[in-house]
C-alpha atoms as a PDB file:
ATOM      1  CA  UNK A   1    -116.686  53.829 146.467  1.00  0.00           C
ATOM      2  CA  UNK A   2    -119.640  51.756 145.273  1.00  0.00           C
ATOM      3  CA  UNK A   3    -122.457  53.902 143.892  1.00  0.00           C
ATOM      4  CA  UNK A   4    -124.607  51.103 142.424  1.00  0.00           C
ATOM      5  CA  UNK A   5    -125.608  47.783 143.926  1.00  0.00           C
ATOM      6  CA  UNK A   6    -124.178  44.775 142.096  1.00  0.00           C
ATOM      7  CA  UNK A   7    -127.227  42.713 143.140  1.00  0.00           C
ATOM      8  CA  UNK A   8    -130.174  44.886 142.076  1.00  0.00           C
ATOM      9  CA  UNK A   9    -128.678  47.975 140.399  1.00  0.00           C
ATOM     10  CA  UNK A  10    -130.114  50.542 142.842  1.00  0.00           C
ATOM     11  CA  UNK A  11    -128.052  53.372 144.287  1.00  0.00           C
ATOM     12  CA  UNK A  12    -126.106  53.060 147.507  1.00  0.00           C
ATOM     13  CA  UNK A  13    -125.761  55.470 150.413  1.00  0.00           C
ATOM     14  CA  UNK A  14    -122.980  55.839 152.957  1.00  0.00           C
ATOM     15  CA  UNK A  15    -123.998  54.569 156.412  1.00  0.00           C
ATOM     16  CA  UNK A  16    -122.441  53.385 159.646  1.00  0.00           C
ATOM     17  CA  UNK A  17    -123.379  49.764 160.196  1.00  0.00           C
ATOM     18  CA  UNK A  18    -122.711  46.863 162.545  1.00  0.00           C
ATOM     19  CA  UNK A  19    -120.451  44.414 160.695  1.00  0.00           C
ATOM     20  CA  UNK A  20    -120.855  40.730 161.548  1.00  0.00           C
ATOM     21  CA  UNK A  21    -117.687  38.677 161.274  1.00  0.00           C
ATOM     22  CA  UNK A  22    -116.723  35.094 162.007  1.00  0.00           C
ATOM     23  CA  UNK A  23    -113.188  35.088 163.383  1.00  0.00           C
ATOM     24  CA  UNK A  24    -112.532  31.369 163.631  1.00  0.00           C
ATOM     25  CA  UNK A  25    -115.322  29.912 165.767  1.00  0.00           C
ATOM     26  CA  UNK A  26    -116.191  33.297 167.253  1.00  0.00           C
ATOM     27  CA  UNK A  27    -118.967  35.530 165.963  1.00  0.00           C
ATOM     28  CA  UNK A  28    -117.975  39.161 166.425  1.00  0.00           C
ATOM     29  CA  UNK A  29    -119.797  42.436 165.879  1.00  0.00           C
ATOM     30  CA  UNK A  30    -117.975  45.632 164.993  1.00  0.00           C
ATOM     31  CA  UNK A  31    -120.032  48.793 165.470  1.00  0.00           C
ATOM     32  CA  UNK A  32    -119.875  52.045 163.500  1.00  0.00           C
ATOM     33  CA  UNK A  33    -118.285  50.564 160.379  1.00  0.00           C
ATOM     34  CA  UNK A  34    -118.593  52.828 157.313  1.00  0.00           C
ATOM     35  CA  UNK A  35    -120.247  51.038 154.398  1.00  0.00           C
ATOM     36  CA  UNK A  36    -122.093  51.683 151.173  1.00  0.00           C
ATOM     37  CA  UNK A  37    -125.599  50.251 151.605  1.00  0.00           C
ATOM     38  CA  UNK A  38    -128.099  49.615 148.809  1.00  0.00           C
ATOM     39  CA  UNK A  39    -131.248  51.671 149.236  1.00  0.00           C
ATOM     40  CA  UNK A  40    -133.427  48.873 147.828  1.00  0.00           C
ATOM     41  CA  UNK A  41    -132.060  45.485 148.949  1.00  0.00           C
ATOM     42  CA  UNK A  42    -129.697  46.441 151.793  1.00  0.00           C
ATOM     43  CA  UNK A  43    -126.583  44.809 150.305  1.00  0.00           C
ATOM     44  CA  UNK A  44    -123.454  46.221 151.979  1.00  0.00           C
ATOM     45  CA  UNK A  45    -120.145  47.178 150.368  1.00  0.00           C
ATOM     46  CA  UNK A  46    -116.907  48.249 152.050  1.00  0.00           C
ATOM     47  CA  UNK A  47    -114.079  50.436 150.798  1.00  0.00           C
ATOM     48  CA  UNK A  48    -110.658  48.749 150.727  1.00  0.00           C
ATOM     49  CA  UNK A  49    -109.332  50.778 153.677  1.00  0.00           C
ATOM     50  CA  UNK A  50    -112.271  49.589 155.803  1.00  0.00           C
ATOM     51  CA  UNK A  51    -111.597  45.959 154.856  1.00  0.00           C
ATOM     52  CA  UNK A  52    -107.912  46.387 155.757  1.00  0.00           C
ATOM     53  CA  UNK A  53    -108.858  47.792 159.162  1.00  0.00           C
ATOM     54  CA  UNK A  54    -111.290  44.916 159.822  1.00  0.00           C
ATOM     55  CA  UNK A  55    -108.546  42.451 158.846  1.00  0.00           C
ATOM     56  CA  UNK A  56    -106.168  44.127 161.334  1.00  0.00           C
ATOM     57  CA  UNK A  57    -108.817  43.806 164.039  1.00  0.00           C
ATOM     58  CA  UNK A  58    -109.152  40.108 163.234  1.00  0.00           C
ATOM     59  CA  UNK A  59    -105.408  39.564 163.589  1.00  0.00           C
ATOM     60  CA  UNK A  60    -105.184  41.614 166.799  1.00  0.00           C
ATOM     61  CA  UNK A  61    -108.646  41.966 168.325  1.00  0.00           C
ATOM     62  CA  UNK A  62    -109.003  45.041 170.531  1.00  0.00           C
ATOM     63  CA  UNK A  63    -110.611  44.831 173.949  1.00  0.00           C
ATOM     64  CA  UNK A  64    -114.343  44.220 173.516  1.00  0.00           C
ATOM     65  CA  UNK A  65    -116.674  47.085 174.464  1.00  0.00           C
ATOM     66  CA  UNK A  66    -119.147  44.545 175.778  1.00  0.00           C
ATOM     67  CA  UNK A  67    -120.094  40.893 175.346  1.00  0.00           C
ATOM     68  CA  UNK A  68    -123.597  39.692 174.502  1.00  0.00           C
ATOM     69  CA  UNK A  69    -125.060  36.191 174.567  1.00  0.00           C
ATOM     70  CA  UNK A  70    -126.617  34.873 171.389  1.00  0.00           C
ATOM     71  CA  UNK A  71    -128.976  31.892 171.460  1.00  0.00           C
ATOM     72  CA  UNK A  72    -128.336  29.183 168.860  1.00  0.00           C
ATOM     73  CA  UNK A  73    -131.240  27.124 167.496  1.00  0.00           C
ATOM     74  CA  UNK A  74    -131.413  24.133 165.197  1.00  0.00           C
ATOM     75  CA  UNK A  75    -133.705  24.481 162.229  1.00  0.00           C
ATOM     76  CA  UNK A  76    -136.799  22.271 162.475  1.00  0.00           C
ATOM     77  CA  UNK A  77    -136.551  21.680 166.225  1.00  0.00           C
ATOM     78  CA  UNK A  78    -140.171  22.552 167.016  1.00  0.00           C
END
Protein backbone atom coordinates (compact mmCIF):
# COMPACT_ATOMS: atom_id res chain seq x y z
CA UNK A 1 0.00 0.00 0.00
CA UNK A 2 1.37 3.40 -1.01
CA UNK A 3 -0.13 6.24 1.01
CA UNK A 4 2.17 9.04 -0.18
CA UNK A 5 3.33 9.90 -3.67
CA UNK A 6 7.07 9.46 -4.21
CA UNK A 7 7.00 12.25 -6.83
CA UNK A 8 5.24 15.12 -5.03
CA UNK A 9 4.50 13.87 -1.49
CA UNK A 10 0.70 14.17 -1.70
CA UNK A 11 -1.64 11.45 -0.48
CA UNK A 12 -2.87 8.65 -2.70
CA UNK A 13 -6.33 7.15 -3.07
CA UNK A 14 -7.37 3.69 -4.21
CA UNK A 15 -8.93 3.73 -7.70
CA UNK A 16 -9.65 1.39 -10.58
CA UNK A 17 -7.66 2.52 -13.59
CA UNK A 18 -6.85 1.49 -17.15
CA UNK A 19 -3.26 0.21 -17.16
CA UNK A 20 -1.26 0.75 -20.35
CA UNK A 21 1.33 -1.92 -21.08
CA UNK A 22 3.73 -2.64 -23.91
CA UNK A 23 3.91 -6.40 -24.36
CA UNK A 24 6.63 -6.68 -26.98
CA UNK A 25 5.52 -4.54 -29.92
CA UNK A 26 1.89 -4.57 -28.80
CA UNK A 27 0.27 -1.80 -26.77
CA UNK A 28 -2.34 -3.30 -24.47
CA UNK A 29 -4.89 -1.79 -22.12
CA UNK A 30 -6.11 -3.60 -19.02
CA UNK A 31 -9.29 -2.16 -17.51
CA UNK A 32 -10.35 -2.07 -13.86
CA UNK A 33 -6.85 -2.44 -12.40
CA UNK A 34 -6.65 -1.45 -8.71
CA UNK A 35 -4.02 1.22 -8.11
CA UNK A 36 -3.00 3.89 -5.65
CA UNK A 37 -3.27 7.23 -7.47
CA UNK A 38 -1.79 10.52 -6.29
CA UNK A 39 -4.47 13.13 -5.66
CA UNK A 40 -2.21 15.94 -6.90
CA UNK A 41 -0.07 14.69 -9.81
CA UNK A 42 -1.85 11.47 -10.83
CA UNK A 43 1.18 9.18 -10.41
CA UNK A 44 0.03 5.55 -10.16
CA UNK A 45 1.33 2.81 -7.86
CA UNK A 46 0.45 -0.89 -7.83
CA UNK A 47 0.49 -3.42 -5.02
CA UNK A 48 2.76 -6.43 -5.60
CA UNK A 49 -0.17 -8.83 -6.12
CA UNK A 50 -1.51 -6.58 -8.89
CA UNK A 51 1.90 -6.51 -10.60
CA UNK A 52 2.11 -10.31 -10.39
CA UNK A 53 -1.32 -10.64 -12.00
CA UNK A 54 -0.38 -8.22 -14.81
CA UNK A 55 2.82 -10.22 -15.38
CA UNK A 56 0.75 -13.43 -15.65
CA UNK A 57 -1.50 -11.73 -18.20
CA UNK A 58 1.57 -10.74 -20.21
CA UNK A 59 2.84 -14.32 -20.26
CA UNK A 60 -0.58 -15.77 -21.12
CA UNK A 61 -2.81 -13.01 -22.49
CA UNK A 62 -6.52 -13.71 -22.02
CA UNK A 63 -8.99 -13.23 -24.85
CA UNK A 64 -9.37 -9.51 -25.52
CA UNK A 65 -12.72 -7.93 -24.59
CA UNK A 66 -12.44 -5.71 -27.64
CA UNK A 67 -9.81 -4.27 -29.97
CA UNK A 68 -9.45 -0.56 -30.72
CA UNK A 69 -7.40 1.20 -33.39
CA UNK A 70 -4.91 3.81 -32.26
CA UNK A 71 -3.50 6.35 -34.70
CA UNK A 72 0.27 6.87 -34.60
CA UNK A 73 1.76 10.27 -35.48
CA UNK A 74 5.31 11.49 -35.91
CA UNK A 75 6.25 14.53 -33.90
CA UNK A 76 6.77 17.63 -36.06
CA UNK A 77 4.92 16.30 -39.10
CA UNK A 78 2.73 19.37 -39.62
